[in-house]
């Protein structure tokens, strides 16, 4: 279930801002976090409620995470990209692929 917290922050010039953090926990592990800063607490509260509703209803689409190894393999397999890559960059990419 999604939840949100509002944190009061003071800028250097003395202006007060409110940061709303929305988080989604599954089995005690936070799987999604997002935040936005507002000038008024009411705006932060409203945004937090809307985002939590969107997450709980399933209307919010989460971006999938992709590993660095997967991205390097895609780059390596794409002949158009790989053939236009310089010697040093090829060496570094192959070295990184060996580590991942």
C-alpha atoms as a PDB file:
ATOM      1  CA  UNK A   1       0.000   0.000   0.000  1.00  0.00           C
ATOM      2  CA  UNK A   2       1.265   3.453  -0.874  1.00  0.00           C
ATOM      3  CA  UNK A   3       1.764   6.165   1.710  1.00  0.00           C
ATOM      4  CA  UNK A   4       3.124   9.702   1.782  1.00  0.00           C
ATOM      5  CA  UNK A   5       4.927  11.981   4.209  1.00  0.00           C
ATOM      6  CA  UNK A   6       5.330  15.743   4.138  1.00  0.00           C
ATOM      7  CA  UNK A   7       8.597  17.310   5.246  1.00  0.00           C
ATOM      8  CA  UNK A   8       8.908  21.018   6.054  1.00  0.00           C
ATOM      9  CA  UNK A   9      12.074  22.567   4.607  1.00  0.00           C
ATOM     10  CA  UNK A  10      13.529  26.046   4.987  1.00  0.00           C
ATOM     11  CA  UNK A  11      15.441  27.561   2.091  1.00  0.00           C
ATOM     12  CA  UNK A  12      18.496  29.778   2.595  1.00  0.00           C
ATOM     13  CA  UNK A  13      16.435  32.902   1.944  1.00  0.00           C
ATOM     14  CA  UNK A  14      14.001  31.930   4.732  1.00  0.00           C
ATOM     15  CA  UNK A  15      11.220  30.717   2.453  1.00  0.00           C
ATOM     16  CA  UNK A  16       9.401  27.585   3.636  1.00  0.00           C
ATOM     17  CA  UNK A  17       8.877  24.711   1.206  1.00  0.00           C
ATOM     18  CA  UNK A  18       7.135  21.372   1.680  1.00  0.00           C
ATOM     19  CA  UNK A  19       8.478  18.148   0.207  1.00  0.00           C
ATOM     20  CA  UNK A  20       5.980  15.350  -0.273  1.00  0.00           C
ATOM     21  CA  UNK A  21       7.481  11.853  -0.493  1.00  0.00           C
ATOM     22  CA  UNK A  22       5.321   9.024  -1.817  1.00  0.00           C
ATOM     23  CA  UNK A  23       6.478   5.472  -1.186  1.00  0.00           C
ATOM     24  CA  UNK A  24       5.195   2.002  -1.935  1.00  0.00           C
ATOM     25  CA  UNK A  25       6.112  -0.870   0.376  1.00  0.00           C
ATOM     26  CA  UNK A  26       5.653  -4.543  -0.398  1.00  0.00           C
ATOM     27  CA  UNK A  27       6.548  -7.090   2.293  1.00  0.00           C
ATOM     28  CA  UNK A  28       8.416  -4.429   4.263  1.00  0.00           C
ATOM     29  CA  UNK A  29      10.592  -3.398   1.321  1.00  0.00           C
ATOM     30  CA  UNK A  30      10.253  -0.027  -0.401  1.00  0.00           C
ATOM     31  CA  UNK A  31       9.871  -0.730  -4.117  1.00  0.00           C
ATOM     32  CA  UNK A  32       8.953   2.755  -5.349  1.00  0.00           C
ATOM     33  CA  UNK A  33       9.775   6.281  -4.161  1.00  0.00           C
ATOM     34  CA  UNK A  34       9.017   9.663  -5.652  1.00  0.00           C
ATOM     35  CA  UNK A  35       8.982  13.187  -4.285  1.00  0.00           C
ATOM     36  CA  UNK A  36       8.006  16.687  -5.249  1.00  0.00           C
ATOM     37  CA  UNK A  37       8.441  20.051  -3.528  1.00  0.00           C
ATOM     38  CA  UNK A  38       5.652  22.618  -3.109  1.00  0.00           C
ATOM     39  CA  UNK A  39       5.290  26.146  -1.772  1.00  0.00           C
ATOM     40  CA  UNK A  40       2.146  25.321   0.233  1.00  0.00           C
ATOM     41  CA  UNK A  41       1.453  22.384   2.533  1.00  0.00           C
ATOM     42  CA  UNK A  42      -2.055  21.946   1.111  1.00  0.00           C
ATOM     43  CA  UNK A  43      -0.654  21.434  -2.388  1.00  0.00           C
ATOM     44  CA  UNK A  44       1.802  18.829  -1.116  1.00  0.00           C
ATOM     45  CA  UNK A  45      -0.983  17.038   0.744  1.00  0.00           C
ATOM     46  CA  UNK A  46      -3.241  17.027  -2.327  1.00  0.00           C
ATOM     47  CA  UNK A  47      -0.457  15.708  -4.606  1.00  0.00           C
ATOM     48  CA  UNK A  48       0.413  12.984  -2.101  1.00  0.00           C
ATOM     49  CA  UNK A  49      -3.191  11.790  -1.915  1.00  0.00           C
ATOM     50  CA  UNK A  50      -3.550  11.748  -5.710  1.00  0.00           C
ATOM     51  CA  UNK A  51      -0.298   9.824  -6.224  1.00  0.00           C
ATOM     52  CA  UNK A  52      -1.192   7.270  -3.535  1.00  0.00           C
ATOM     53  CA  UNK A  53      -4.601   6.717  -5.128  1.00  0.00           C
ATOM     54  CA  UNK A  54      -2.999   6.273  -8.552  1.00  0.00           C
ATOM     55  CA  UNK A  55      -0.527   3.734  -7.177  1.00  0.00           C
ATOM     56  CA  UNK A  56      -3.175   1.804  -5.225  1.00  0.00           C
ATOM     57  CA  UNK A  57      -5.582   1.727  -8.195  1.00  0.00           C
ATOM     58  CA  UNK A  58      -2.866   0.473 -10.521  1.00  0.00           C
ATOM     59  CA  UNK A  59      -3.185   3.406 -12.919  1.00  0.00           C
ATOM     60  CA  UNK A  60       0.438   4.419 -12.356  1.00  0.00           C
ATOM     61  CA  UNK A  61       2.918   2.634 -14.606  1.00  0.00           C
ATOM     62  CA  UNK A  62       6.297   1.963 -12.991  1.00  0.00           C
ATOM     63  CA  UNK A  63       9.367   1.989 -15.176  1.00  0.00           C
ATOM     64  CA  UNK A  64      11.206  -1.316 -15.202  1.00  0.00           C
ATOM     65  CA  UNK A  65      14.802  -1.339 -14.096  1.00  0.00           C
ATOM     66  CA  UNK A  66      17.387  -2.604 -16.527  1.00  0.00           C
ATOM     67  CA  UNK A  67      20.836  -3.772 -15.486  1.00  0.00           C
ATOM     68  CA  UNK A  68      24.007  -2.265 -16.884  1.00  0.00           C
ATOM     69  CA  UNK A  69      24.989  -5.637 -18.316  1.00  0.00           C
ATOM     70  CA  UNK A  70      21.766  -5.821 -20.307  1.00  0.00           C
ATOM     71  CA  UNK A  71      22.319  -2.344 -21.734  1.00  0.00           C
ATOM     72  CA  UNK A  72      25.913  -3.148 -22.676  1.00  0.00           C
ATOM     73  CA  UNK A  73      24.801  -6.356 -24.409  1.00  0.00           C
ATOM     74  CA  UNK A  74      22.172  -4.432 -26.385  1.00  0.00           C
ATOM     75  CA  UNK A  75      24.820  -1.909 -27.437  1.00  0.00           C
ATOM     76  CA  UNK A  76      27.224  -4.706 -28.397  1.00  0.00           C
ATOM     77  CA  UNK A  77      24.588  -6.583 -30.421  1.00  0.00           C
ATOM     78  CA  UNK A  78      23.466  -3.502 -32.365  1.00  0.00           C
ATOM     79  CA  UNK A  79      25.821  -3.561 -35.366  1.00  0.00           C
ATOM     80  CA  UNK A  80      25.029   0.020 -36.386  1.00  0.00           C
ATOM     81  CA  UNK A  81      26.128   1.364 -33.006  1.00  0.00           C
ATOM     82  CA  UNK A  82      29.003  -1.027 -32.448  1.00  0.00           C
ATOM     83  CA  UNK A  83      30.616  -0.538 -35.866  1.00  0.00           C
ATOM     84  CA  UNK A  84      30.652   3.252 -35.416  1.00  0.00           C
ATOM     85  CA  UNK A  85      32.320   3.012 -32.005  1.00  0.00           C
ATOM     86  CA  UNK A  86      35.962   3.941 -31.555  1.00  0.00           C
ATOM     87  CA  UNK A  87      38.671   1.542 -30.432  1.00  0.00           C
ATOM     88  CA  UNK A  88      39.006   2.879 -26.882  1.00  0.00           C
ATOM     89  CA  UNK A  89      35.265   2.886 -26.254  1.00  0.00           C
ATOM     90  CA  UNK A  90      35.023  -0.700 -27.541  1.00  0.00           C
ATOM     91  CA  UNK A  91      37.785  -1.743 -25.167  1.00  0.00           C
ATOM     92  CA  UNK A  92      36.072  -0.094 -22.185  1.00  0.00           C
ATOM     93  CA  UNK A  93      32.681  -1.612 -23.051  1.00  0.00           C
ATOM     94  CA  UNK A  94      34.190  -5.094 -23.374  1.00  0.00           C
ATOM     95  CA  UNK A  95      35.993  -4.598 -20.072  1.00  0.00           C
ATOM     96  CA  UNK A  96      32.747  -3.551 -18.365  1.00  0.00           C
ATOM     97  CA  UNK A  97      30.901  -6.506 -19.898  1.00  0.00           C
ATOM     98  CA  UNK A  98      33.499  -8.799 -18.325  1.00  0.00           C
ATOM     99  CA  UNK A  99      32.881  -7.272 -14.888  1.00  0.00           C
ATOM    100  CA  UNK A 100      29.100  -7.322 -14.970  1.00  0.00           C
END
